[in-house]
Amino acid sequence: MIGTASPRHHEALRELGVEPIDYRDPDVAARVRAVAPDGVDAVFDHLAGKSITVSHRLLNRTGTLVSYSIASKLDDTTPVLLSFLHLMAKLAFWNYLPTRKHASFYNVWSGAGKPDSAKREAFRA
């Protein structure tokens, strides 16, 4: 398992059996490729934006990409909805390519109910 984190968390990751990579490294993808030259089985990407394409390229030939946020776009001037729709289109396009890779968006709040509802509070608990 490979995990990106700031250097202060690297030792804790190693104790869990994770190979740490500094997320601020200017070439994170090269560091991942050094550890997994044939690609990785899965990437969990919370940034989206430019990183989603890099994440998809890091997959092995049957890998899975799970995007679960668009954190890189939250402070952007582009409306969040447009960024989200662009991400969804890109993921759908990749799934239609004749490869064995898979890409999806995981919404942690799906089925959680309306804000301030009992269902949402139970979900949070």
N, C-alpha and C. Protein backbone atom coordinates (compact mmCIF):
# COMPACT_ATOMS: atom_id res chain seq x y z
N MET A 1 0.85 -1.16 0.00
CA MET A 1 0.00 0.00 0.00
C MET A 1 0.89 1.23 0.00
N ILE A 2 0.50 2.22 -0.76
CA ILE A 2 1.22 3.49 -0.86
C ILE A 2 0.28 4.57 -0.33
N GLY A 3 0.81 5.48 0.44
CA GLY A 3 -0.01 6.58 0.96
C GLY A 3 0.70 7.90 0.84
N THR A 4 0.02 8.89 0.34
CA THR A 4 0.60 10.23 0.29
C THR A 4 0.25 10.97 1.56
N ALA A 5 1.24 11.64 2.11
CA ALA A 5 1.06 12.37 3.37
C ALA A 5 2.22 13.33 3.54
N SER A 6 2.07 14.24 4.49
CA SER A 6 3.19 15.11 4.81
C SER A 6 4.23 14.29 5.57
N PRO A 7 5.50 14.69 5.49
CA PRO A 7 6.58 13.90 6.11
C PRO A 7 6.36 13.62 7.60
N ARG A 8 5.70 14.50 8.31
CA ARG A 8 5.51 14.27 9.74
C ARG A 8 4.65 13.04 10.04
N HIS A 9 3.91 12.56 9.04
CA HIS A 9 3.07 11.38 9.22
C HIS A 9 3.68 10.11 8.64
N HIS A 10 4.85 10.22 8.02
CA HIS A 10 5.44 9.07 7.35
C HIS A 10 5.75 7.89 8.28
N GLU A 11 6.27 8.16 9.45
CA GLU A 11 6.60 7.07 10.36
C GLU A 11 5.35 6.32 10.79
N ALA A 12 4.28 7.03 11.06
CA ALA A 12 3.02 6.37 11.43
C ALA A 12 2.51 5.49 10.29
N LEU A 13 2.67 5.94 9.06
CA LEU A 13 2.27 5.13 7.92
C LEU A 13 3.12 3.88 7.81
N ARG A 14 4.42 4.04 7.98
CA ARG A 14 5.32 2.88 7.91
C ARG A 14 4.94 1.83 8.95
N GLU A 15 4.57 2.29 10.15
CA GLU A 15 4.16 1.36 11.21
C GLU A 15 2.93 0.56 10.82
N LEU A 16 2.14 1.10 9.91
CA LEU A 16 0.94 0.40 9.42
C LEU A 16 1.22 -0.41 8.16
N GLY A 17 2.49 -0.42 7.72
CA GLY A 17 2.85 -1.17 6.53
C GLY A 17 2.63 -0.42 5.23
N VAL A 18 2.50 0.89 5.33
CA VAL A 18 2.25 1.73 4.16
C VAL A 18 3.56 2.37 3.71
N GLU A 19 3.80 2.41 2.42
CA GLU A 19 4.95 3.10 1.85
C GLU A 19 4.57 4.57 1.68
N PRO A 20 5.14 5.48 2.48
CA PRO A 20 4.74 6.89 2.39
C PRO A 20 5.44 7.64 1.26
N ILE A 21 4.71 8.57 0.69
CA ILE A 21 5.23 9.50 -0.31
C ILE A 21 4.75 10.88 0.06
N ASP A 22 5.66 11.84 0.04
CA ASP A 22 5.31 13.22 0.37
C ASP A 22 4.38 13.78 -0.70
N TYR A 23 3.17 14.16 -0.31
CA TYR A 23 2.20 14.67 -1.28
C TYR A 23 2.63 15.99 -1.90
N ARG A 24 3.60 16.67 -1.30
CA ARG A 24 4.08 17.93 -1.87
C ARG A 24 5.24 17.73 -2.85
N ASP A 25 5.67 16.51 -3.03
CA ASP A 25 6.73 16.21 -3.99
C ASP A 25 6.26 16.66 -5.38
N PRO A 26 7.09 17.39 -6.11
CA PRO A 26 6.66 17.89 -7.42
C PRO A 26 6.36 16.79 -8.44
N ASP A 27 6.83 15.57 -8.19
CA ASP A 27 6.53 14.47 -9.11
C ASP A 27 6.09 13.23 -8.33
N VAL A 28 4.94 13.35 -7.69
CA VAL A 28 4.39 12.25 -6.91
C VAL A 28 4.22 11.02 -7.79
N ALA A 29 3.77 11.22 -9.02
CA ALA A 29 3.53 10.10 -9.92
C ALA A 29 4.81 9.29 -10.14
N ALA A 30 5.95 9.94 -10.31
CA ALA A 30 7.21 9.23 -10.49
C ALA A 30 7.57 8.42 -9.25
N ARG A 31 7.27 8.95 -8.08
CA ARG A 31 7.56 8.22 -6.84
C ARG A 31 6.66 6.98 -6.74
N VAL A 32 5.40 7.13 -7.13
CA VAL A 32 4.49 5.98 -7.11
C VAL A 32 4.97 4.93 -8.11
N ARG A 33 5.34 5.37 -9.30
CA ARG A 33 5.83 4.44 -10.33
C ARG A 33 7.11 3.73 -9.88
N ALA A 34 7.94 4.39 -9.08
CA ALA A 34 9.15 3.75 -8.58
C ALA A 34 8.80 2.59 -7.64
N VAL A 35 7.74 2.74 -6.88
CA VAL A 35 7.30 1.70 -5.96
C VAL A 35 6.48 0.63 -6.68
N ALA A 36 5.66 1.05 -7.65
CA ALA A 36 4.77 0.14 -8.39
C ALA A 36 4.94 0.36 -9.89
N PRO A 37 6.01 -0.16 -10.48
CA PRO A 37 6.29 0.12 -11.89
C PRO A 37 5.21 -0.35 -12.87
N ASP A 38 4.43 -1.36 -12.49
CA ASP A 38 3.35 -1.85 -13.37
C ASP A 38 2.02 -1.16 -13.10
N GLY A 39 2.03 -0.18 -12.23
CA GLY A 39 0.80 0.52 -11.86
C GLY A 39 0.22 -0.04 -10.58
N VAL A 40 -0.79 0.63 -10.07
CA VAL A 40 -1.41 0.24 -8.82
C VAL A 40 -2.80 -0.33 -9.07
N ASP A 41 -3.29 -1.10 -8.11
CA ASP A 41 -4.62 -1.71 -8.24
C ASP A 41 -5.73 -0.69 -8.08
N ALA A 42 -5.50 0.30 -7.22
CA ALA A 42 -6.55 1.28 -6.95
C ALA A 42 -5.94 2.61 -6.55
N VAL A 43 -6.63 3.67 -6.91
CA VAL A 43 -6.28 5.02 -6.48
C VAL A 43 -7.54 5.65 -5.91
N PHE A 44 -7.42 6.25 -4.75
CA PHE A 44 -8.52 7.01 -4.14
C PHE A 44 -8.11 8.47 -4.20
N ASP A 45 -8.79 9.24 -5.01
CA ASP A 45 -8.40 10.62 -5.31
C ASP A 45 -9.46 11.58 -4.78
N HIS A 46 -9.06 12.47 -3.90
CA HIS A 46 -10.00 13.46 -3.36
C HIS A 46 -9.80 14.85 -3.98
N LEU A 47 -8.78 15.01 -4.80
CA LEU A 47 -8.48 16.33 -5.35
C LEU A 47 -9.25 16.62 -6.63
N ALA A 48 -9.35 15.63 -7.52
CA ALA A 48 -9.92 15.82 -8.87
C ALA A 48 -9.06 16.84 -9.61
N GLY A 49 -9.65 17.70 -10.41
CA GLY A 49 -8.84 18.65 -11.17
C GLY A 49 -7.80 17.92 -11.99
N LYS A 50 -6.60 18.47 -12.04
CA LYS A 50 -5.51 17.88 -12.83
C LYS A 50 -5.06 16.52 -12.28
N SER A 51 -5.21 16.31 -11.00
CA SER A 51 -4.70 15.07 -10.40
C SER A 51 -5.50 13.84 -10.83
N ILE A 52 -6.73 14.02 -11.26
CA ILE A 52 -7.55 12.86 -11.60
C ILE A 52 -6.97 12.13 -12.82
N THR A 53 -6.44 12.87 -13.77
CA THR A 53 -5.82 12.25 -14.94
C THR A 53 -4.54 11.52 -14.55
N VAL A 54 -3.75 12.13 -13.69
CA VAL A 54 -2.53 11.49 -13.19
C VAL A 54 -2.91 10.21 -12.45
N SER A 55 -3.94 10.29 -11.62
CA SER A 55 -4.38 9.11 -10.86
C SER A 55 -4.78 7.98 -11.81
N HIS A 56 -5.52 8.31 -12.86
CA HIS A 56 -5.96 7.28 -13.81
C HIS A 56 -4.75 6.65 -14.50
N ARG A 57 -3.77 7.43 -14.84
CA ARG A 57 -2.57 6.90 -15.50
C ARG A 57 -1.72 6.02 -14.59
N LEU A 58 -1.88 6.15 -13.28
CA LEU A 58 -1.12 5.33 -12.34
C LEU A 58 -1.70 3.92 -12.17
N LEU A 59 -2.89 3.70 -12.68
CA LEU A 59 -3.53 2.39 -12.53
C LEU A 59 -2.84 1.33 -13.37
N ASN A 60 -2.87 0.10 -12.87
CA ASN A 60 -2.42 -1.01 -13.70
C ASN A 60 -3.53 -1.32 -14.71
N ARG A 61 -3.36 -2.35 -15.52
CA ARG A 61 -4.29 -2.56 -16.63
C ARG A 61 -5.70 -2.94 -16.20
N THR A 62 -5.90 -3.35 -14.94
CA THR A 62 -7.24 -3.66 -14.45
C THR A 62 -7.60 -2.84 -13.22
N GLY A 63 -6.91 -1.72 -13.02
CA GLY A 63 -7.08 -0.93 -11.82
C GLY A 63 -8.38 -0.16 -11.73
N THR A 64 -8.66 0.31 -10.54
CA THR A 64 -9.88 1.08 -10.25
C THR A 64 -9.52 2.43 -9.67
N LEU A 65 -10.14 3.45 -10.21
CA LEU A 65 -10.00 4.81 -9.70
C LEU A 65 -11.28 5.19 -8.99
N VAL A 66 -11.16 5.63 -7.75
CA VAL A 66 -12.31 6.11 -7.00
C VAL A 66 -12.06 7.57 -6.66
N SER A 67 -12.89 8.43 -7.20
CA SER A 67 -12.84 9.85 -6.87
C SER A 67 -13.93 10.10 -5.84
N TYR A 68 -13.62 10.85 -4.79
CA TYR A 68 -14.63 11.07 -3.77
C TYR A 68 -14.73 12.53 -3.33
N SER A 69 -14.15 13.42 -4.10
CA SER A 69 -14.26 14.84 -3.79
C SER A 69 -13.66 15.64 -4.95
N ILE A 70 -13.85 16.93 -4.91
CA ILE A 70 -13.20 17.82 -5.87
C ILE A 70 -12.50 18.93 -5.08
N ALA A 71 -11.73 18.51 -4.10
CA ALA A 71 -11.09 19.44 -3.18
C ALA A 71 -10.25 20.49 -3.88
N SER A 72 -9.61 20.14 -4.99
CA SER A 72 -8.75 21.11 -5.67
C SER A 72 -9.56 22.24 -6.31
N LYS A 73 -10.84 22.07 -6.44
CA LYS A 73 -11.69 23.07 -7.09
C LYS A 73 -12.51 23.91 -6.11
N LEU A 74 -12.45 23.60 -4.85
CA LEU A 74 -13.32 24.29 -3.90
C LEU A 74 -12.99 25.77 -3.74
N ASP A 75 -11.74 26.14 -3.91
CA ASP A 75 -11.36 27.55 -3.81
C ASP A 75 -11.19 28.19 -5.17
N ASP A 76 -11.58 27.49 -6.21
CA ASP A 76 -11.44 27.96 -7.58
C ASP A 76 -12.56 28.95 -7.91
N THR A 77 -12.38 29.73 -8.96
CA THR A 77 -13.42 30.68 -9.38
C THR A 77 -14.48 30.01 -10.25
N THR A 78 -14.18 28.81 -10.76
CA THR A 78 -15.15 28.08 -11.55
C THR A 78 -16.24 27.56 -10.62
N PRO A 79 -17.51 27.67 -11.02
CA PRO A 79 -18.57 27.12 -10.17
C PRO A 79 -18.33 25.63 -9.90
N VAL A 80 -18.56 25.21 -8.67
CA VAL A 80 -18.29 23.83 -8.26
C VAL A 80 -19.10 22.85 -9.11
N LEU A 81 -20.33 23.19 -9.43
CA LEU A 81 -21.16 22.29 -10.22
C LEU A 81 -20.53 21.99 -11.57
N LEU A 82 -19.97 23.01 -12.23
CA LEU A 82 -19.31 22.78 -13.51
C LEU A 82 -18.10 21.86 -13.37
N SER A 83 -17.34 22.07 -12.32
CA SER A 83 -16.17 21.21 -12.07
C SER A 83 -16.62 19.78 -11.81
N PHE A 84 -17.69 19.62 -11.06
CA PHE A 84 -18.21 18.29 -10.76
C PHE A 84 -18.72 17.60 -12.03
N LEU A 85 -19.45 18.33 -12.86
CA LEU A 85 -19.96 17.75 -14.11
C LEU A 85 -18.82 17.35 -15.04
N HIS A 86 -17.78 18.17 -15.09
CA HIS A 86 -16.60 17.84 -15.90
C HIS A 86 -15.96 16.55 -15.39
N LEU A 87 -15.83 16.43 -14.09
CA LEU A 87 -15.27 15.22 -13.50
C LEU A 87 -16.12 14.00 -13.86
N MET A 88 -17.43 14.11 -13.70
CA MET A 88 -18.31 12.98 -13.98
C MET A 88 -18.22 12.57 -15.46
N ALA A 89 -18.12 13.54 -16.35
CA ALA A 89 -17.99 13.24 -17.78
C ALA A 89 -16.68 12.50 -18.05
N LYS A 90 -15.61 12.94 -17.41
CA LYS A 90 -14.31 12.30 -17.61
C LYS A 90 -14.33 10.86 -17.11
N LEU A 91 -14.91 10.63 -15.94
CA LEU A 91 -15.00 9.28 -15.40
C LEU A 91 -15.83 8.38 -16.31
N ALA A 92 -16.94 8.91 -16.80
CA ALA A 92 -17.80 8.13 -17.70
C ALA A 92 -17.06 7.80 -19.00
N PHE A 93 -16.35 8.77 -19.54
CA PHE A 93 -15.58 8.54 -20.77
C PHE A 93 -14.57 7.42 -20.57
N TRP A 94 -13.82 7.46 -19.47
CA TRP A 94 -12.82 6.43 -19.21
C TRP A 94 -13.47 5.05 -19.11
N ASN A 95 -14.67 4.98 -18.56
CA ASN A 95 -15.33 3.68 -18.44
C ASN A 95 -15.78 3.13 -19.78
N TYR A 96 -15.97 3.99 -20.77
CA TYR A 96 -16.37 3.52 -22.10
C TYR A 96 -15.19 3.15 -22.98
N LEU A 97 -13.98 3.45 -22.55
CA LEU A 97 -12.80 3.06 -23.32
C LEU A 97 -12.64 1.54 -23.29
N PRO A 98 -12.07 0.96 -24.33
CA PRO A 98 -11.92 -0.51 -24.36
C PRO A 98 -10.73 -0.98 -23.52
N THR A 99 -10.74 -0.64 -22.25
CA THR A 99 -9.72 -1.11 -21.31
C THR A 99 -10.42 -1.88 -20.22
N ARG A 100 -9.67 -2.43 -19.33
CA ARG A 100 -10.26 -3.15 -18.19
C ARG A 100 -10.20 -2.31 -16.92
N LYS A 101 -9.87 -1.03 -17.07
CA LYS A 101 -9.84 -0.12 -15.93
C LYS A 101 -11.27 0.34 -15.61
N HIS A 102 -11.45 0.79 -14.38
CA HIS A 102 -12.76 1.28 -13.95
C HIS A 102 -12.56 2.59 -13.19
N ALA A 103 -13.49 3.52 -13.39
CA ALA A 103 -13.43 4.81 -12.68
C ALA A 103 -14.82 5.15 -12.17
N SER A 104 -14.90 5.66 -10.95
CA SER A 104 -16.21 6.01 -10.39
C SER A 104 -16.07 7.15 -9.38
N PHE A 105 -17.22 7.72 -9.05
CA PHE A 105 -17.29 8.73 -8.01
C PHE A 105 -18.05 8.12 -6.84
N TYR A 106 -17.50 8.23 -5.66
CA TYR A 106 -18.14 7.69 -4.47
C TYR A 106 -18.63 8.86 -3.63
N ASN A 107 -19.92 8.93 -3.44
CA ASN A 107 -20.53 9.99 -2.65
C ASN A 107 -20.78 9.47 -1.24
N VAL A 108 -19.97 9.92 -0.30
CA VAL A 108 -20.12 9.44 1.07
C VAL A 108 -21.45 9.86 1.69
N TRP A 109 -22.09 10.88 1.14
CA TRP A 109 -23.34 11.36 1.71
C TRP A 109 -24.58 10.76 1.04
N SER A 110 -24.40 9.92 0.01
CA SER A 110 -25.59 9.38 -0.65
C SER A 110 -26.40 8.56 0.33
N GLY A 111 -27.69 8.75 0.31
CA GLY A 111 -28.57 8.03 1.21
C GLY A 111 -28.55 8.54 2.63
N ALA A 112 -27.88 9.67 2.85
CA ALA A 112 -27.73 10.16 4.22
C ALA A 112 -28.90 11.05 4.66
N GLY A 113 -29.82 11.32 3.78
CA GLY A 113 -30.95 12.15 4.16
C GLY A 113 -30.66 13.63 4.05
N LYS A 114 -31.68 14.41 4.28
CA LYS A 114 -31.56 15.87 4.19
C LYS A 114 -30.76 16.40 5.37
N PRO A 115 -30.08 17.55 5.18
CA PRO A 115 -29.36 18.15 6.31
C PRO A 115 -30.28 18.35 7.51
N ASP A 116 -29.75 18.08 8.67
CA ASP A 116 -30.45 18.22 9.96
C ASP A 116 -31.60 17.23 10.14
N SER A 117 -31.68 16.20 9.32
CA SER A 117 -32.73 15.19 9.49
C SER A 117 -32.23 14.10 10.42
N ALA A 118 -33.15 13.31 10.95
CA ALA A 118 -32.79 12.19 11.82
C ALA A 118 -31.95 11.18 11.06
N LYS A 119 -32.29 10.99 9.77
CA LYS A 119 -31.53 10.05 8.95
C LYS A 119 -30.08 10.51 8.79
N ARG A 120 -29.87 11.82 8.58
CA ARG A 120 -28.51 12.35 8.44
C ARG A 120 -27.75 12.21 9.75
N GLU A 121 -28.40 12.49 10.86
CA GLU A 121 -27.73 12.36 12.16
C GLU A 121 -27.36 10.91 12.45
N ALA A 122 -28.22 9.97 12.10
CA ALA A 122 -27.91 8.55 12.28
C ALA A 122 -26.74 8.15 11.40
N PHE A 123 -26.70 8.67 10.17
CA PHE A 123 -25.61 8.39 9.25
C PHE A 123 -24.29 8.90 9.82
N ARG A 124 -24.28 10.11 10.35
CA ARG A 124 -23.06 10.68 10.93
C ARG A 124 -22.59 9.87 12.13
N ALA A 125 -23.54 9.42 12.94
CA ALA A 125 -23.17 8.62 14.13
C ALA A 125 -22.54 7.32 13.72
